Amino acid sequence: MKQIIAIFLSLTLNFMPAIVNADALGLAVQNIEAQWAHIHYSVAKKQQTAAYMQLLAEVTALNAQYPDQAELIIQQAIIIASNAENVDAFKALEAVHQARDLLLRAIELDPNASEGAAYVTLGSLYYMVPSWPIAYGDNDKANTMLKKALAINPNTIDANYFYGDFLAKQGKQQQAVTYFKRAMAIPVRKNQVFADTQLHRQAKLAIIENNQFVAAK
């Protein structure tokens, strides 16, 4: 019995650092997400680049501490892609290509990381960026990526909102409203109240705008 207990304790102690690291990584990712939301929704455009670069430096440091973690790579891609709006056209193209490559790497490491966030972000890039020869925009790929995100977890605000936005931009307003309503119906996360509340607000506005568009036809 003593030998069995000793073996169990040994296994437990060996496993504990992985648990601690996982918890620490999860908290770090939550913090990065919260900081991103603050910059994206609350910081003036002229000040966003400096704020994003500071946040990117934090993620880079975490990447060194936790290498090859899909969750961190996703956050890195989101920050880089978000800042593309604040730089000149050449740097913006470089940024969206870098973000795409990072997201593909994250999917390769763990397609289910952060509830499919890599697919949501990559799908959004595919329908938002220009198509070839300027960039890599592709509505078919956008549709595939966003549907994969919904397959991984249909109960995330982001996946439903951005699929609705994609459909609206394809002229499918009635279908889009369905997904905006789904996004509205999903409760905000306790650890990301601000970010999710902002997306709820955007979904509510999108429902009004798209219903008005349908009514005007």
N, C-alpha and C. Protein backbone atom coordinates (compact mmCIF):
# COMPACT_ATOMS: atom_id res chain seq x y z
N MET A 1 0.83 -1.20 0.00
CA MET A 1 0.00 0.00 0.00
C MET A 1 0.87 1.26 0.00
N LYS A 2 1.92 1.23 0.84
CA LYS A 2 2.82 2.39 0.89
C LYS A 2 3.46 2.64 -0.47
N GLN A 3 3.79 1.55 -1.17
CA GLN A 3 4.43 1.68 -2.48
C GLN A 3 3.45 2.30 -3.49
N ILE A 4 2.18 1.88 -3.42
CA ILE A 4 1.16 2.43 -4.32
C ILE A 4 0.97 3.91 -4.06
N ILE A 5 0.90 4.29 -2.76
CA ILE A 5 0.74 5.70 -2.40
C ILE A 5 1.92 6.52 -2.90
N ALA A 6 3.11 5.96 -2.74
CA ALA A 6 4.33 6.67 -3.18
C ALA A 6 4.31 6.90 -4.69
N ILE A 7 3.89 5.89 -5.44
CA ILE A 7 3.81 6.02 -6.90
C ILE A 7 2.78 7.08 -7.28
N PHE A 8 1.61 7.05 -6.57
CA PHE A 8 0.54 8.02 -6.86
C PHE A 8 1.02 9.45 -6.59
N LEU A 9 1.70 9.63 -5.44
CA LEU A 9 2.20 10.97 -5.09
C LEU A 9 3.23 11.45 -6.10
N SER A 10 4.06 10.51 -6.55
CA SER A 10 5.08 10.87 -7.54
C SER A 10 4.44 11.33 -8.83
N LEU A 11 3.41 10.59 -9.28
CA LEU A 11 2.71 10.96 -10.51
C LEU A 11 2.00 12.29 -10.35
N THR A 12 1.39 12.51 -9.18
CA THR A 12 0.67 13.75 -8.92
C THR A 12 1.61 14.94 -8.94
N LEU A 13 2.74 14.80 -8.27
CA LEU A 13 3.71 15.89 -8.21
C LEU A 13 4.29 16.19 -9.58
N ASN A 14 4.48 15.15 -10.38
CA ASN A 14 5.00 15.36 -11.73
C ASN A 14 3.99 16.07 -12.63
N PHE A 15 2.70 15.83 -12.34
CA PHE A 15 1.65 16.41 -13.17
C PHE A 15 1.29 17.84 -12.74
N MET A 16 1.54 18.16 -11.49
CA MET A 16 1.14 19.47 -10.96
C MET A 16 1.71 20.66 -11.72
N PRO A 17 3.00 20.68 -12.10
CA PRO A 17 3.51 21.83 -12.85
C PRO A 17 2.74 22.07 -14.14
N ALA A 18 2.30 21.02 -14.80
CA ALA A 18 1.53 21.18 -16.03
C ALA A 18 0.20 21.85 -15.74
N ILE A 19 -0.43 21.45 -14.62
CA ILE A 19 -1.71 22.06 -14.23
C ILE A 19 -1.51 23.53 -13.89
N VAL A 20 -0.47 23.83 -13.10
CA VAL A 20 -0.18 25.21 -12.72
C VAL A 20 0.10 26.04 -13.95
N ASN A 21 0.91 25.50 -14.86
CA ASN A 21 1.25 26.23 -16.08
C ASN A 21 0.01 26.48 -16.93
N ALA A 22 -0.87 25.48 -17.00
CA ALA A 22 -2.10 25.63 -17.78
C ALA A 22 -2.97 26.73 -17.19
N ASP A 23 -3.10 26.75 -15.86
CA ASP A 23 -3.89 27.78 -15.19
C ASP A 23 -3.27 29.16 -15.42
N ALA A 24 -1.95 29.25 -15.29
CA ALA A 24 -1.26 30.52 -15.47
C ALA A 24 -1.41 31.01 -16.91
N LEU A 25 -1.32 30.09 -17.85
CA LEU A 25 -1.47 30.45 -19.26
C LEU A 25 -2.89 30.93 -19.53
N GLY A 26 -3.88 30.24 -18.98
CA GLY A 26 -5.27 30.63 -19.17
C GLY A 26 -5.54 32.03 -18.64
N LEU A 27 -5.00 32.33 -17.46
CA LEU A 27 -5.17 33.66 -16.88
C LEU A 27 -4.46 34.73 -17.72
N ALA A 28 -3.30 34.38 -18.24
CA ALA A 28 -2.55 35.31 -19.08
C ALA A 28 -3.32 35.63 -20.35
N VAL A 29 -3.92 34.60 -20.96
CA VAL A 29 -4.70 34.81 -22.19
C VAL A 29 -5.92 35.67 -21.90
N GLN A 30 -6.60 35.41 -20.77
CA GLN A 30 -7.74 36.24 -20.39
C GLN A 30 -7.35 37.70 -20.23
N ASN A 31 -6.20 37.92 -19.64
CA ASN A 31 -5.71 39.29 -19.43
C ASN A 31 -5.41 39.97 -20.76
N ILE A 32 -4.79 39.23 -21.68
CA ILE A 32 -4.50 39.78 -23.01
C ILE A 32 -5.80 40.13 -23.73
N GLU A 33 -6.78 39.23 -23.66
CA GLU A 33 -8.08 39.48 -24.31
C GLU A 33 -8.74 40.74 -23.74
N ALA A 34 -8.67 40.89 -22.42
CA ALA A 34 -9.28 42.06 -21.78
C ALA A 34 -8.58 43.35 -22.19
N GLN A 35 -7.25 43.31 -22.24
CA GLN A 35 -6.50 44.49 -22.67
C GLN A 35 -6.80 44.84 -24.13
N TRP A 36 -6.90 43.80 -24.98
CA TRP A 36 -7.23 44.05 -26.38
C TRP A 36 -8.58 44.75 -26.50
N ALA A 37 -9.57 44.25 -25.77
CA ALA A 37 -10.91 44.84 -25.83
C ALA A 37 -10.88 46.30 -25.40
N HIS A 38 -10.13 46.60 -24.36
CA HIS A 38 -10.02 47.99 -23.90
C HIS A 38 -9.43 48.87 -25.01
N ILE A 39 -8.37 48.40 -25.64
CA ILE A 39 -7.74 49.18 -26.72
C ILE A 39 -8.70 49.34 -27.90
N HIS A 40 -9.31 48.24 -28.31
CA HIS A 40 -10.15 48.23 -29.50
C HIS A 40 -11.39 49.12 -29.35
N TYR A 41 -12.00 49.08 -28.17
CA TYR A 41 -13.27 49.78 -27.98
C TYR A 41 -13.14 51.14 -27.28
N SER A 42 -12.07 51.35 -26.53
CA SER A 42 -12.01 52.55 -25.69
C SER A 42 -10.88 53.52 -25.99
N VAL A 43 -9.82 53.05 -26.65
CA VAL A 43 -8.65 53.92 -26.91
C VAL A 43 -8.82 54.63 -28.25
N ALA A 44 -8.48 55.91 -28.27
CA ALA A 44 -8.59 56.71 -29.49
C ALA A 44 -7.69 56.12 -30.58
N LYS A 45 -8.14 56.21 -31.84
CA LYS A 45 -7.42 55.63 -32.97
C LYS A 45 -5.95 56.05 -33.01
N LYS A 46 -5.69 57.32 -32.76
CA LYS A 46 -4.32 57.83 -32.83
C LYS A 46 -3.40 57.19 -31.80
N GLN A 47 -3.99 56.67 -30.73
CA GLN A 47 -3.20 56.09 -29.65
C GLN A 47 -3.18 54.56 -29.69
N GLN A 48 -3.94 53.98 -30.60
CA GLN A 48 -4.08 52.53 -30.59
C GLN A 48 -2.80 51.81 -30.97
N THR A 49 -2.07 52.29 -31.96
CA THR A 49 -0.87 51.57 -32.40
C THR A 49 0.11 51.38 -31.26
N ALA A 50 0.37 52.45 -30.51
CA ALA A 50 1.31 52.36 -29.37
C ALA A 50 0.79 51.34 -28.35
N ALA A 51 -0.52 51.37 -28.10
CA ALA A 51 -1.10 50.44 -27.13
C ALA A 51 -1.03 49.00 -27.62
N TYR A 52 -1.33 48.81 -28.90
CA TYR A 52 -1.24 47.45 -29.47
C TYR A 52 0.19 46.93 -29.44
N MET A 53 1.16 47.79 -29.74
CA MET A 53 2.55 47.35 -29.75
C MET A 53 3.03 46.97 -28.35
N GLN A 54 2.54 47.69 -27.36
CA GLN A 54 2.90 47.34 -25.98
C GLN A 54 2.29 45.99 -25.61
N LEU A 55 1.04 45.78 -26.02
CA LEU A 55 0.38 44.51 -25.75
C LEU A 55 1.05 43.37 -26.51
N LEU A 56 1.46 43.66 -27.74
CA LEU A 56 2.15 42.63 -28.54
C LEU A 56 3.47 42.23 -27.89
N ALA A 57 4.15 43.19 -27.28
CA ALA A 57 5.40 42.88 -26.57
C ALA A 57 5.13 41.93 -25.39
N GLU A 58 3.99 42.13 -24.71
CA GLU A 58 3.62 41.23 -23.61
C GLU A 58 3.38 39.81 -24.13
N VAL A 59 2.69 39.72 -25.27
CA VAL A 59 2.40 38.40 -25.84
C VAL A 59 3.69 37.73 -26.30
N THR A 60 4.61 38.51 -26.88
CA THR A 60 5.89 37.96 -27.33
C THR A 60 6.67 37.38 -26.15
N ALA A 61 6.64 38.09 -25.02
CA ALA A 61 7.31 37.60 -23.81
C ALA A 61 6.66 36.32 -23.31
N LEU A 62 5.33 36.26 -23.37
CA LEU A 62 4.62 35.06 -22.95
C LEU A 62 4.90 33.89 -23.90
N ASN A 63 5.04 34.20 -25.19
CA ASN A 63 5.37 33.16 -26.16
C ASN A 63 6.72 32.51 -25.86
N ALA A 64 7.64 33.32 -25.36
CA ALA A 64 8.95 32.79 -24.98
C ALA A 64 8.83 31.89 -23.75
N GLN A 65 7.90 32.26 -22.86
CA GLN A 65 7.70 31.49 -21.63
C GLN A 65 6.89 30.22 -21.89
N TYR A 66 5.91 30.34 -22.80
CA TYR A 66 5.05 29.21 -23.15
C TYR A 66 5.09 29.01 -24.66
N PRO A 67 6.15 28.40 -25.19
CA PRO A 67 6.29 28.25 -26.65
C PRO A 67 5.25 27.31 -27.25
N ASP A 68 4.89 27.62 -28.50
CA ASP A 68 3.98 26.77 -29.28
C ASP A 68 2.62 26.56 -28.61
N GLN A 69 2.11 27.61 -28.00
CA GLN A 69 0.77 27.56 -27.41
C GLN A 69 -0.20 28.27 -28.34
N ALA A 70 -1.16 27.52 -28.88
CA ALA A 70 -2.08 28.07 -29.87
C ALA A 70 -2.83 29.29 -29.36
N GLU A 71 -3.21 29.27 -28.08
CA GLU A 71 -3.98 30.38 -27.52
C GLU A 71 -3.22 31.70 -27.61
N LEU A 72 -1.93 31.66 -27.32
CA LEU A 72 -1.11 32.88 -27.39
C LEU A 72 -0.88 33.31 -28.83
N ILE A 73 -0.69 32.35 -29.71
CA ILE A 73 -0.46 32.67 -31.12
C ILE A 73 -1.72 33.32 -31.71
N ILE A 74 -2.88 32.86 -31.29
CA ILE A 74 -4.14 33.48 -31.74
C ILE A 74 -4.21 34.93 -31.29
N GLN A 75 -3.86 35.18 -30.03
CA GLN A 75 -3.88 36.56 -29.52
C GLN A 75 -2.88 37.44 -30.28
N GLN A 76 -1.73 36.89 -30.57
CA GLN A 76 -0.73 37.62 -31.34
C GLN A 76 -1.30 38.02 -32.71
N ALA A 77 -1.96 37.07 -33.36
CA ALA A 77 -2.54 37.34 -34.68
C ALA A 77 -3.64 38.40 -34.61
N ILE A 78 -4.48 38.32 -33.58
CA ILE A 78 -5.58 39.28 -33.43
C ILE A 78 -5.04 40.70 -33.25
N ILE A 79 -4.02 40.84 -32.43
CA ILE A 79 -3.43 42.17 -32.19
C ILE A 79 -2.84 42.73 -33.48
N ILE A 80 -2.08 41.91 -34.19
CA ILE A 80 -1.45 42.35 -35.44
C ILE A 80 -2.50 42.74 -36.47
N ALA A 81 -3.54 41.91 -36.62
CA ALA A 81 -4.60 42.19 -37.59
C ALA A 81 -5.38 43.45 -37.20
N SER A 82 -5.63 43.62 -35.92
CA SER A 82 -6.38 44.79 -35.45
C SER A 82 -5.64 46.08 -35.75
N ASN A 83 -4.34 46.06 -35.57
CA ASN A 83 -3.56 47.27 -35.79
C ASN A 83 -3.40 47.60 -37.27
N ALA A 84 -3.74 46.67 -38.16
CA ALA A 84 -3.65 46.91 -39.60
C ALA A 84 -4.52 48.10 -40.01
N GLU A 85 -5.57 48.37 -39.24
CA GLU A 85 -6.46 49.50 -39.54
C GLU A 85 -5.78 50.84 -39.30
N ASN A 86 -4.70 50.84 -38.54
CA ASN A 86 -4.07 52.09 -38.11
C ASN A 86 -2.78 52.43 -38.84
N VAL A 87 -2.40 51.61 -39.82
CA VAL A 87 -1.12 51.83 -40.52
C VAL A 87 -1.37 52.02 -42.01
N ASP A 88 -0.31 52.37 -42.75
CA ASP A 88 -0.47 52.59 -44.18
C ASP A 88 -0.76 51.27 -44.91
N ALA A 89 -1.15 51.39 -46.18
CA ALA A 89 -1.62 50.23 -46.95
C ALA A 89 -0.57 49.12 -47.04
N PHE A 90 0.68 49.50 -47.27
CA PHE A 90 1.74 48.49 -47.40
C PHE A 90 1.92 47.72 -46.10
N LYS A 91 1.98 48.43 -44.98
CA LYS A 91 2.15 47.78 -43.68
C LYS A 91 0.91 46.97 -43.31
N ALA A 92 -0.27 47.46 -43.74
CA ALA A 92 -1.50 46.74 -43.46
C ALA A 92 -1.52 45.38 -44.17
N LEU A 93 -1.08 45.38 -45.43
CA LEU A 93 -1.01 44.11 -46.17
C LEU A 93 -0.03 43.14 -45.51
N GLU A 94 1.09 43.67 -45.09
CA GLU A 94 2.09 42.83 -44.40
C GLU A 94 1.49 42.26 -43.12
N ALA A 95 0.72 43.09 -42.41
CA ALA A 95 0.14 42.67 -41.13
C ALA A 95 -0.90 41.57 -41.32
N VAL A 96 -1.78 41.72 -42.31
CA VAL A 96 -2.84 40.70 -42.48
C VAL A 96 -2.26 39.38 -42.98
N HIS A 97 -1.17 39.45 -43.75
CA HIS A 97 -0.51 38.20 -44.16
C HIS A 97 0.16 37.52 -42.96
N GLN A 98 0.79 38.32 -42.13
CA GLN A 98 1.43 37.77 -40.93
C GLN A 98 0.38 37.15 -40.01
N ALA A 99 -0.75 37.84 -39.85
CA ALA A 99 -1.83 37.33 -39.00
C ALA A 99 -2.36 36.01 -39.53
N ARG A 100 -2.56 35.93 -40.85
CA ARG A 100 -3.04 34.68 -41.45
C ARG A 100 -2.08 33.53 -41.17
N ASP A 101 -0.80 33.76 -41.35
CA ASP A 101 0.19 32.70 -41.14
C ASP A 101 0.21 32.24 -39.69
N LEU A 102 0.06 33.18 -38.76
CA LEU A 102 0.02 32.84 -37.34
C LEU A 102 -1.22 31.99 -37.03
N LEU A 103 -2.34 32.37 -37.60
CA LEU A 103 -3.59 31.63 -37.34
C LEU A 103 -3.53 30.22 -37.90
N LEU A 104 -2.94 30.07 -39.07
CA LEU A 104 -2.78 28.73 -39.65
C LEU A 104 -1.86 27.88 -38.76
N ARG A 105 -0.85 28.52 -38.19
CA ARG A 105 0.04 27.81 -37.26
C ARG A 105 -0.72 27.39 -36.00
N ALA A 106 -1.56 28.28 -35.49
CA ALA A 106 -2.35 27.96 -34.29
C ALA A 106 -3.29 26.78 -34.55
N ILE A 107 -3.92 26.79 -35.72
CA ILE A 107 -4.83 25.69 -36.08
C ILE A 107 -4.06 24.37 -36.19
N GLU A 108 -2.86 24.45 -36.72
CA GLU A 108 -2.01 23.26 -36.83
C GLU A 108 -1.68 22.70 -35.46
N LEU A 109 -1.44 23.58 -34.49
CA LEU A 109 -1.10 23.16 -33.14
C LEU A 109 -2.31 22.64 -32.38
N ASP A 110 -3.43 23.37 -32.47
CA ASP A 110 -4.63 22.99 -31.73
C ASP A 110 -5.85 23.69 -32.35
N PRO A 111 -6.57 23.01 -33.24
CA PRO A 111 -7.70 23.65 -33.91
C PRO A 111 -8.83 24.05 -32.96
N ASN A 112 -8.89 23.43 -31.78
CA ASN A 112 -9.96 23.72 -30.82
C ASN A 112 -9.58 24.79 -29.81
N ALA A 113 -8.39 25.33 -29.91
CA ALA A 113 -7.91 26.31 -28.92
C ALA A 113 -8.84 27.52 -28.86
N SER A 114 -9.07 27.99 -27.62
CA SER A 114 -9.91 29.17 -27.39
C SER A 114 -11.26 29.06 -28.10
N GLU A 115 -11.82 27.85 -28.04
CA GLU A 115 -13.16 27.58 -28.60
C GLU A 115 -13.26 27.91 -30.08
N GLY A 116 -12.18 27.60 -30.81
CA GLY A 116 -12.21 27.81 -32.26
C GLY A 116 -11.93 29.23 -32.69
N ALA A 117 -11.32 30.03 -31.83
CA ALA A 117 -11.08 31.45 -32.12
C ALA A 117 -10.21 31.66 -33.36
N ALA A 118 -9.30 30.73 -33.63
CA ALA A 118 -8.45 30.88 -34.82
C ALA A 118 -9.29 30.83 -36.08
N TYR A 119 -10.29 29.95 -36.10
CA TYR A 119 -11.17 29.85 -37.27
C TYR A 119 -12.03 31.10 -37.42
N VAL A 120 -12.51 31.63 -36.30
CA VAL A 120 -13.31 32.86 -36.35
C VAL A 120 -12.49 34.00 -36.93
N THR A 121 -11.29 34.18 -36.41
CA THR A 121 -10.44 35.29 -36.84
C THR A 121 -10.00 35.12 -38.29
N LEU A 122 -9.59 33.91 -38.64
CA LEU A 122 -9.14 33.65 -40.00
C LEU A 122 -10.29 33.81 -40.99
N GLY A 123 -11.46 33.29 -40.63
CA GLY A 123 -12.63 33.44 -41.48
C GLY A 123 -12.98 34.89 -41.69
N SER A 124 -12.87 35.69 -40.63
CA SER A 124 -13.16 37.12 -40.74
C SER A 124 -12.16 37.82 -41.66
N LEU A 125 -10.91 37.45 -41.55
CA LEU A 125 -9.90 38.03 -42.44
C LEU A 125 -10.20 37.67 -43.90
N TYR A 126 -10.60 36.44 -44.15
CA TYR A 126 -10.85 36.01 -45.53
C TYR A 126 -11.96 36.82 -46.21
N TYR A 127 -12.96 37.26 -45.43
CA TYR A 127 -14.00 38.06 -46.09
C TYR A 127 -13.78 39.57 -45.99
N MET A 128 -12.87 39.98 -45.11
CA MET A 128 -12.64 41.41 -44.94
C MET A 128 -11.50 41.97 -45.80
N VAL A 129 -10.47 41.16 -46.04
CA VAL A 129 -9.33 41.67 -46.80
C VAL A 129 -9.63 41.58 -48.30
N PRO A 130 -8.95 42.39 -49.12
CA PRO A 130 -9.16 42.32 -50.58
C PRO A 130 -8.74 40.96 -51.13
N SER A 131 -9.33 40.61 -52.25
CA SER A 131 -8.97 39.34 -52.90
C SER A 131 -7.69 39.51 -53.72
N TRP A 132 -7.22 38.40 -54.29
CA TRP A 132 -6.04 38.42 -55.15
C TRP A 132 -6.31 39.33 -56.36
N PRO A 133 -5.36 40.11 -56.84
CA PRO A 133 -3.91 40.07 -56.56
C PRO A 133 -3.45 40.96 -55.42
N ILE A 134 -4.39 41.66 -54.76
CA ILE A 134 -3.97 42.56 -53.68
C ILE A 134 -3.65 41.76 -52.42
N ALA A 135 -4.59 40.91 -52.02
CA ALA A 135 -4.37 40.10 -50.81
C ALA A 135 -4.95 38.70 -51.06
N TYR A 136 -5.53 38.09 -50.02
CA TYR A 136 -5.96 36.70 -50.13
C TYR A 136 -7.46 36.52 -49.84
N GLY A 137 -8.21 37.60 -49.91
CA GLY A 137 -9.64 37.52 -49.64
C GLY A 137 -10.32 36.42 -50.44
N ASP A 138 -11.20 35.66 -49.76
CA ASP A 138 -11.84 34.52 -50.41
C ASP A 138 -13.11 34.19 -49.62
N ASN A 139 -14.28 34.48 -50.20
CA ASN A 139 -15.53 34.27 -49.48
C ASN A 139 -15.82 32.79 -49.21
N ASP A 140 -15.42 31.93 -50.12
CA ASP A 140 -15.64 30.49 -49.90
C ASP A 140 -14.84 30.01 -48.69
N LYS A 141 -13.59 30.44 -48.61
CA LYS A 141 -12.76 30.06 -47.45
C LYS A 141 -13.31 30.69 -46.17
N ALA A 142 -13.80 31.91 -46.27
CA ALA A 142 -14.39 32.56 -45.10
C ALA A 142 -15.56 31.74 -44.58
N ASN A 143 -16.42 31.32 -45.48
CA ASN A 143 -17.59 30.52 -45.11
C ASN A 143 -17.16 29.22 -44.43
N THR A 144 -16.16 28.57 -45.00
CA THR A 144 -15.66 27.30 -44.44
C THR A 144 -15.09 27.50 -43.05
N MET A 145 -14.25 28.52 -42.88
CA MET A 145 -13.61 28.77 -41.59
C MET A 145 -14.63 29.11 -40.51
N LEU A 146 -15.57 29.99 -40.83
CA LEU A 146 -16.56 30.41 -39.84
C LEU A 146 -17.49 29.26 -39.45
N LYS A 147 -17.82 28.40 -40.41
CA LYS A 147 -18.64 27.23 -40.10
C LYS A 147 -17.88 26.24 -39.22
N LYS A 148 -16.57 26.14 -39.43
CA LYS A 148 -15.76 25.27 -38.57
C LYS A 148 -15.76 25.78 -37.13
N ALA A 149 -15.68 27.11 -36.99
CA ALA A 149 -15.72 27.71 -35.65
C ALA A 149 -17.04 27.38 -34.97
N LEU A 150 -18.14 27.50 -35.71
CA LEU A 150 -19.46 27.19 -35.14
C LEU A 150 -19.61 25.70 -34.82
N ALA A 151 -18.95 24.86 -35.60
CA ALA A 151 -18.99 23.42 -35.34
C ALA A 151 -18.24 23.08 -34.05
N ILE A 152 -17.14 23.79 -33.80
CA ILE A 152 -16.36 23.56 -32.58
C ILE A 152 -17.16 23.98 -31.36
N ASN A 153 -17.76 25.16 -31.43
CA ASN A 153 -18.62 25.63 -30.34
C ASN A 153 -19.65 26.61 -30.89
N PRO A 154 -20.90 26.15 -31.06
CA PRO A 154 -21.93 27.03 -31.59
C PRO A 154 -22.41 28.09 -30.61
N ASN A 155 -21.93 28.00 -29.37
CA ASN A 155 -22.40 28.91 -28.32
C ASN A 155 -21.36 29.96 -27.93
N THR A 156 -20.67 30.50 -28.92
CA THR A 156 -19.78 31.62 -28.67
C THR A 156 -20.33 32.85 -29.38
N ILE A 157 -20.28 33.97 -28.71
CA ILE A 157 -20.79 35.22 -29.29
C ILE A 157 -20.04 35.57 -30.56
N ASP A 158 -18.72 35.45 -30.50
CA ASP A 158 -17.88 35.85 -31.64
C ASP A 158 -18.22 35.07 -32.90
N ALA A 159 -18.28 33.75 -32.80
CA ALA A 159 -18.52 32.92 -33.98
C ALA A 159 -19.86 33.25 -34.63
N ASN A 160 -20.90 33.44 -33.82
CA ASN A 160 -22.21 33.76 -34.35
C ASN A 160 -22.26 35.17 -34.93
N TYR A 161 -21.66 36.11 -34.22
CA TYR A 161 -21.68 37.49 -34.71
C TYR A 161 -20.96 37.61 -36.05
N PHE A 162 -19.76 37.06 -36.14
CA PHE A 162 -18.98 37.24 -37.36
C PHE A 162 -19.53 36.42 -38.53
N TYR A 163 -20.18 35.30 -38.24
CA TYR A 163 -20.83 34.59 -39.35
C TYR A 163 -22.03 35.41 -39.84
N GLY A 164 -22.75 36.03 -38.91
CA GLY A 164 -23.83 36.92 -39.30
C GLY A 164 -23.33 38.09 -40.13
N ASP A 165 -22.21 38.67 -39.72
CA ASP A 165 -21.64 39.80 -40.46
C ASP A 165 -21.22 39.37 -41.86
N PHE A 166 -20.63 38.17 -41.94
CA PHE A 166 -20.24 37.64 -43.25
C PHE A 166 -21.47 37.48 -44.15
N LEU A 167 -22.53 36.89 -43.63
CA LEU A 167 -23.75 36.67 -44.42
C LEU A 167 -24.35 38.01 -44.87
N ALA A 168 -24.34 38.98 -43.99
CA ALA A 168 -24.89 40.30 -44.33
C ALA A 168 -24.13 40.93 -45.49
N LYS A 169 -22.81 40.75 -45.47
CA LYS A 169 -21.99 41.32 -46.54
C LYS A 169 -22.15 40.56 -47.86
N GLN A 170 -22.72 39.35 -47.78
CA GLN A 170 -23.02 38.58 -48.99
C GLN A 170 -24.45 38.86 -49.49
N GLY A 171 -25.13 39.82 -48.85
CA GLY A 171 -26.50 40.15 -49.25
C GLY A 171 -27.54 39.21 -48.69
N LYS A 172 -27.18 38.43 -47.67
CA LYS A 172 -28.11 37.46 -47.07
C LYS A 172 -28.57 37.98 -45.71
N GLN A 173 -29.29 39.09 -45.75
CA GLN A 173 -29.65 39.79 -44.52
C GLN A 173 -30.53 38.97 -43.58
N GLN A 174 -31.50 38.25 -44.13
CA GLN A 174 -32.41 37.48 -43.26
C GLN A 174 -31.66 36.38 -42.52
N GLN A 175 -30.77 35.69 -43.22
CA GLN A 175 -29.96 34.67 -42.56
C GLN A 175 -29.03 35.31 -41.53
N ALA A 176 -28.49 36.47 -41.89
CA ALA A 176 -27.57 37.16 -41.00
C ALA A 176 -28.24 37.49 -39.67
N VAL A 177 -29.49 37.95 -39.73
CA VAL A 177 -30.21 38.32 -38.51
C VAL A 177 -30.35 37.13 -37.57
N THR A 178 -30.53 35.94 -38.13
CA THR A 178 -30.62 34.72 -37.31
C THR A 178 -29.38 34.55 -36.45
N TYR A 179 -28.22 34.77 -37.04
CA TYR A 179 -26.96 34.59 -36.29
C TYR A 179 -26.69 35.75 -35.34
N PHE A 180 -27.11 36.95 -35.72
CA PHE A 180 -26.97 38.08 -34.80
C PHE A 180 -27.84 37.85 -33.55
N LYS A 181 -29.03 37.29 -33.76
CA LYS A 181 -29.92 36.99 -32.63
C LYS A 181 -29.32 35.90 -31.75
N ARG A 182 -28.70 34.91 -32.38
CA ARG A 182 -28.03 33.86 -31.60
C ARG A 182 -26.91 34.47 -30.75
N ALA A 183 -26.15 35.37 -31.35
CA ALA A 183 -25.07 36.04 -30.62
C ALA A 183 -25.63 36.81 -29.42
N MET A 184 -26.76 37.48 -29.62
CA MET A 184 -27.39 38.24 -28.54
C MET A 184 -27.88 37.34 -27.41
N ALA A 185 -28.30 36.12 -27.78
CA ALA A 185 -28.88 35.21 -26.79
C ALA A 185 -27.83 34.52 -25.90
N ILE A 186 -26.59 34.56 -26.32
CA ILE A 186 -25.52 33.88 -25.56
C ILE A 186 -25.06 34.80 -24.42
N PRO A 187 -25.06 34.32 -23.19
CA PRO A 187 -24.65 35.17 -22.05
C PRO A 187 -23.19 35.60 -22.17
N VAL A 188 -22.89 36.77 -21.63
CA VAL A 188 -21.51 37.24 -21.61
C VAL A 188 -20.70 36.37 -20.66
N ARG A 189 -19.43 36.23 -20.96
CA ARG A 189 -18.54 35.47 -20.09
C ARG A 189 -18.19 36.30 -18.86
N LYS A 190 -18.14 35.66 -17.72
CA LYS A 190 -17.85 36.39 -16.47
C LYS A 190 -16.46 37.01 -16.49
N ASN A 191 -15.53 36.37 -17.23
CA ASN A 191 -14.16 36.90 -17.25
C ASN A 191 -13.91 37.85 -18.42
N GLN A 192 -14.94 38.09 -19.25
CA GLN A 192 -14.79 39.02 -20.38
C GLN A 192 -16.09 39.81 -20.58
N VAL A 193 -16.59 40.38 -19.49
CA VAL A 193 -17.87 41.08 -19.53
C VAL A 193 -17.83 42.26 -20.49
N PHE A 194 -16.77 43.05 -20.42
CA PHE A 194 -16.69 44.25 -21.26
C PHE A 194 -16.68 43.90 -22.74
N ALA A 195 -15.79 42.99 -23.15
CA ALA A 195 -15.66 42.62 -24.56
C ALA A 195 -16.97 42.04 -25.10
N ASP A 196 -17.58 41.12 -24.34
CA ASP A 196 -18.79 40.47 -24.81
C ASP A 196 -19.98 41.44 -24.84
N THR A 197 -20.02 42.37 -23.89
CA THR A 197 -21.09 43.37 -23.88
C THR A 197 -20.99 44.26 -25.12
N GLN A 198 -19.78 44.62 -25.50
CA GLN A 198 -19.58 45.43 -26.70
C GLN A 198 -20.06 44.69 -27.95
N LEU A 199 -19.76 43.40 -28.02
CA LEU A 199 -20.18 42.61 -29.19
C LEU A 199 -21.69 42.41 -29.20
N HIS A 200 -22.29 42.27 -28.02
CA HIS A 200 -23.75 42.23 -27.92
C HIS A 200 -24.36 43.51 -28.49
N ARG A 201 -23.75 44.63 -28.13
CA ARG A 201 -24.24 45.92 -28.62
C ARG A 201 -24.16 45.99 -30.15
N GLN A 202 -23.04 45.52 -30.70
CA GLN A 202 -22.89 45.52 -32.15
C GLN A 202 -23.90 44.59 -32.82
N ALA A 203 -24.16 43.45 -32.20
CA ALA A 203 -25.14 42.51 -32.75
C ALA A 203 -26.54 43.13 -32.76
N LYS A 204 -26.87 43.85 -31.68
CA LYS A 204 -28.18 44.50 -31.59
C LYS A 204 -28.34 45.53 -32.70
N LEU A 205 -27.32 46.34 -32.92
CA LEU A 205 -27.36 47.34 -33.99
C LEU A 205 -27.46 46.66 -35.35
N ALA A 206 -26.74 45.54 -35.52
CA ALA A 206 -26.76 44.82 -36.79
C ALA A 206 -28.15 44.25 -37.09
N ILE A 207 -28.84 43.79 -36.05
CA ILE A 207 -30.20 43.27 -36.24
C ILE A 207 -31.11 44.39 -36.76
N ILE A 208 -31.03 45.56 -36.14
CA ILE A 208 -31.86 46.70 -36.56
C ILE A 208 -31.55 47.09 -38.00
N GLU A 209 -30.26 47.22 -38.32
CA GLU A 209 -29.85 47.65 -39.67
C GLU A 209 -30.29 46.65 -40.74
N ASN A 210 -30.09 45.38 -40.47
CA ASN A 210 -30.41 44.37 -41.47
C ASN A 210 -31.91 44.16 -41.62
N ASN A 211 -32.67 44.29 -40.52
CA ASN A 211 -34.13 44.20 -40.62
C ASN A 211 -34.68 45.39 -41.43
N GLN A 212 -34.08 46.56 -41.24
CA GLN A 212 -34.50 47.72 -42.01
C GLN A 212 -34.20 47.52 -43.49
N PHE A 213 -33.06 46.91 -43.78
CA PHE A 213 -32.70 46.65 -45.17
C PHE A 213 -33.70 45.70 -45.83
N VAL A 214 -34.08 44.64 -45.10
CA VAL A 214 -35.03 43.67 -45.63
C VAL A 214 -36.39 44.32 -45.84
N ALA A 215 -36.82 45.14 -44.88
CA ALA A 215 -38.12 45.81 -44.95
C ALA A 215 -38.20 46.79 -46.13
N ALA A 216 -37.03 47.36 -46.47
CA ALA A 216 -36.99 48.36 -47.54
C ALA A 216 -37.04 47.74 -48.92
N LYS A 217 -36.83 46.44 -49.02
CA LYS A 217 -36.82 45.78 -50.33
C LYS A 217 -38.21 45.74 -50.96
